[in-house]
């Protein structure tokens, strides 16, 4: 089976929050804790018109996750398929990794006394399914795709891939910054 990644099409997000709810339910997160957030960008002026975007954000499953350098217990591990996981049994709750993530994707769960984040619903992936957020996305903004599918879907659009996530948009102008493209 080809390795898959999460495609986030910013143009298609309708801010329904179905992805956030699906994530909370699938992962049994307590009130207030979210591993996936829909961020509102705008309003901003584009070609003389007001425009708003809604951007689903979660752990990027970085190729070289900085959070793991701050983990004193070795609880942050990378699977062979590139998915970054936190072993809640090994997490000592010190929370040093939380500010170590430059994307704000790690959160302390006071009920479990461990740091938690998006796991891309790894148990669903292991069962041949996609992440719960993808299954419940009514706008088609979230897709779980192979590299070949990604290339076909995003042909001609602006895109940036970091780790296991790829953001794309036909509206946003992505500019090179230190050798990479960012939204």
Protein backbone atom coordinates (compact mmCIF):
# COMPACT_ATOMS: atom_id res chain seq x y z
CA UNK A 1 0.00 0.00 0.00
CA UNK A 2 1.33 3.45 -0.91
CA UNK A 3 2.13 5.78 1.95
CA UNK A 4 -0.58 8.42 2.33
CA UNK A 5 -0.65 11.98 3.55
CA UNK A 6 -3.29 14.48 4.58
CA UNK A 7 -4.22 17.04 1.92
CA UNK A 8 -5.80 20.26 3.21
CA UNK A 9 -7.46 22.28 0.45
CA UNK A 10 -7.89 25.70 2.05
CA UNK A 11 -10.29 26.83 -0.70
CA UNK A 12 -12.83 24.13 0.20
CA UNK A 13 -13.10 24.57 3.98
CA UNK A 14 -16.55 25.92 4.92
CA UNK A 15 -15.83 26.22 8.68
CA UNK A 16 -18.46 23.70 9.69
CA UNK A 17 -16.18 22.27 12.42
CA UNK A 18 -17.19 18.69 11.58
CA UNK A 19 -13.48 17.79 11.48
CA UNK A 20 -12.92 19.17 14.99
CA UNK A 21 -15.90 17.26 16.39
CA UNK A 22 -14.90 14.03 14.63
CA UNK A 23 -11.36 14.36 15.99
CA UNK A 24 -12.55 14.96 19.57
CA UNK A 25 -14.94 12.01 19.43
CA UNK A 26 -12.51 9.61 17.76
CA UNK A 27 -9.72 10.41 20.24
CA UNK A 28 -11.85 10.93 23.36
CA UNK A 29 -10.43 14.41 24.06
CA UNK A 30 -11.84 16.19 27.13
CA UNK A 31 -13.65 19.55 26.84
CA UNK A 32 -11.27 22.34 25.87
CA UNK A 33 -8.63 20.07 24.31
CA UNK A 34 -8.44 20.06 20.51
CA UNK A 35 -5.82 18.38 18.34
CA UNK A 36 -7.40 19.91 15.24
CA UNK A 37 -8.48 23.56 14.97
CA UNK A 38 -10.09 25.47 12.16
CA UNK A 39 -8.37 28.87 12.12
CA UNK A 40 -10.06 31.89 10.53
CA UNK A 41 -7.82 34.11 8.38
CA UNK A 42 -9.26 37.51 7.55
CA UNK A 43 -11.21 39.35 6.62
CA UNK A 44 -8.65 40.68 4.19
CA UNK A 45 -8.89 42.56 0.94
CA UNK A 46 -8.22 40.62 -2.25
CA UNK A 47 -8.66 42.42 -5.57
CA UNK A 48 -10.85 45.04 -3.93
CA UNK A 49 -13.16 42.52 -2.19
CA UNK A 50 -13.27 41.25 1.38
CA UNK A 51 -12.22 37.65 1.67
CA UNK A 52 -11.97 35.11 4.50
CA UNK A 53 -10.30 31.72 4.63
CA UNK A 54 -10.72 28.87 7.05
CA UNK A 55 -7.67 26.69 7.62
CA UNK A 56 -7.79 23.33 9.41
CA UNK A 57 -4.60 23.08 11.48
CA UNK A 58 -3.14 20.11 13.31
CA UNK A 59 0.17 18.33 13.89
CA UNK A 60 2.17 18.31 10.66
CA UNK A 61 3.98 15.06 11.52
CA UNK A 62 7.24 16.81 10.63
CA UNK A 63 10.12 14.98 8.98
CA UNK A 64 12.37 16.16 11.86
CA UNK A 65 9.95 16.96 14.71
CA UNK A 66 11.45 19.57 17.04
CA UNK A 67 9.03 18.54 19.81
CA UNK A 68 10.87 15.22 20.14
CA UNK A 69 14.10 17.01 21.11
CA UNK A 70 12.34 18.44 24.17
CA UNK A 71 10.76 15.15 25.27
CA UNK A 72 12.63 14.04 28.39
CA UNK A 73 11.00 10.60 28.50
CA UNK A 74 11.38 9.55 24.86
CA UNK A 75 7.60 9.33 24.49
CA UNK A 76 7.52 11.02 21.07
CA UNK A 77 8.22 8.42 18.40
CA UNK A 78 8.16 8.27 14.62
CA UNK A 79 6.60 5.29 12.86
CA UNK A 80 8.11 3.87 9.68
CA UNK A 81 5.34 5.58 7.67
CA UNK A 82 6.30 9.00 9.08
CA UNK A 83 3.46 9.40 11.57
CA UNK A 84 4.62 11.00 14.82
CA UNK A 85 3.01 9.56 17.94
CA UNK A 86 3.12 10.26 21.66
CA UNK A 87 3.24 7.14 23.80
CA UNK A 88 0.94 8.25 26.62
CA UNK A 89 2.29 5.46 28.85
CA UNK A 90 5.84 6.84 28.55
CA UNK A 91 4.86 10.55 28.75
CA UNK A 92 5.77 11.88 32.20
CA UNK A 93 3.61 15.00 31.82
CA UNK A 94 6.52 17.46 32.06
CA UNK A 95 5.12 19.38 29.04
CA UNK A 96 8.57 20.49 27.82
CA UNK A 97 7.60 19.36 24.32
CA UNK A 98 4.55 21.66 24.15
CA UNK A 99 6.49 24.91 23.53
CA UNK A 100 8.98 22.86 21.50
CA UNK A 101 6.42 22.54 18.71
CA UNK A 102 6.64 25.67 16.53
CA UNK A 103 3.08 25.04 15.27
CA UNK A 104 1.32 24.81 18.65
CA UNK A 105 0.06 21.30 17.89
CA UNK A 106 0.75 19.66 21.27
CA UNK A 107 -1.61 20.01 24.24
CA UNK A 108 -1.55 18.76 27.82
CA UNK A 109 -4.49 16.55 28.79
CA UNK A 110 -5.04 17.04 32.55
CA UNK A 111 -7.28 13.96 32.74
CA UNK A 112 -4.67 11.62 31.26
CA UNK A 113 -1.76 13.64 32.68
CA UNK A 114 -0.05 13.36 29.30
CA UNK A 115 0.61 15.47 26.24
CA UNK A 116 -1.63 14.67 23.27
CA UNK A 117 -1.87 15.67 19.62
CA UNK A 118 -3.20 14.57 16.25
CA UNK A 119 -2.19 10.99 15.50
CA UNK A 120 -3.85 11.02 12.06
CA UNK A 121 -6.16 8.44 13.67
CA UNK A 122 -3.41 5.84 13.41
CA UNK A 123 -5.64 2.97 14.54
CA UNK A 124 -8.03 3.75 11.68
CA UNK A 125 -5.09 3.91 9.24
CA UNK A 126 -3.85 0.54 10.50
CA UNK A 127 -7.34 -0.81 9.78
CA UNK A 128 -7.21 0.51 6.20
CA UNK A 129 -9.36 3.58 6.83
CA UNK A 130 -8.55 7.28 6.67
CA UNK A 131 -8.52 9.75 9.57
CA UNK A 132 -11.90 10.55 11.10
CA UNK A 133 -11.60 14.24 10.16
CA UNK A 134 -11.38 13.25 6.48
CA UNK A 135 -14.41 10.98 6.71
CA UNK A 136 -16.53 13.77 8.22
CA UNK A 137 -15.33 16.74 6.12
CA UNK A 138 -18.45 17.90 4.26
CA UNK A 139 -16.62 20.42 2.06
CA UNK A 140 -13.99 18.02 0.77
CA UNK A 141 -11.22 20.18 2.23
CA UNK A 142 -9.55 17.20 3.91
CA UNK A 143 -8.42 14.21 1.86
CA UNK A 144 -6.15 11.26 2.65
CA UNK A 145 -4.15 10.68 -0.53
CA UNK A 146 -1.09 9.01 -2.06
CA UNK A 147 1.70 11.12 -3.54
CA UNK A 148 0.41 10.29 -7.03
CA UNK A 149 -3.11 11.43 -6.12
CA UNK A 150 -1.69 14.57 -4.53
CA UNK A 151 0.23 15.46 -7.70
CA UNK A 152 -2.89 14.97 -9.82
CA UNK A 153 -5.26 16.86 -7.50
CA UNK A 154 -2.97 19.85 -6.92
CA UNK A 155 -1.65 20.27 -10.46
CA UNK A 156 -1.42 24.01 -11.16
CA UNK A 157 -2.28 25.05 -7.60
CA UNK A 158 -0.07 26.57 -4.93
CA UNK A 159 0.96 23.98 -2.36
CA UNK A 160 3.31 23.33 0.52
CA UNK A 161 4.11 19.95 1.99
CA UNK A 162 5.52 19.63 5.48
CA UNK A 163 5.83 16.14 6.91
CA UNK A 164 2.59 14.19 6.40
CA UNK A 165 0.47 17.26 5.51
CA UNK A 166 0.11 19.25 2.32
CA UNK A 167 -1.74 22.54 2.20
CA UNK A 168 -3.03 23.71 -1.18
CA UNK A 169 -4.94 26.68 -2.55
CA UNK A 170 -5.65 28.18 -5.93
CA UNK A 171 -6.26 31.58 -4.26
CA UNK A 172 -3.33 32.01 -1.91
CA UNK A 173 0.01 33.13 -3.28
CA UNK A 174 2.68 31.00 -1.66
CA UNK A 175 6.06 32.68 -1.43
CA UNK A 176 9.48 31.05 -1.03
CA UNK A 177 10.88 31.56 2.47
CA UNK A 178 14.26 30.03 3.28
CA UNK A 179 13.91 27.58 0.41
CA UNK A 180 10.34 26.47 1.19
CA UNK A 181 6.85 27.67 0.32
CA UNK A 182 4.50 28.72 3.09
CA UNK A 183 0.87 29.84 3.14
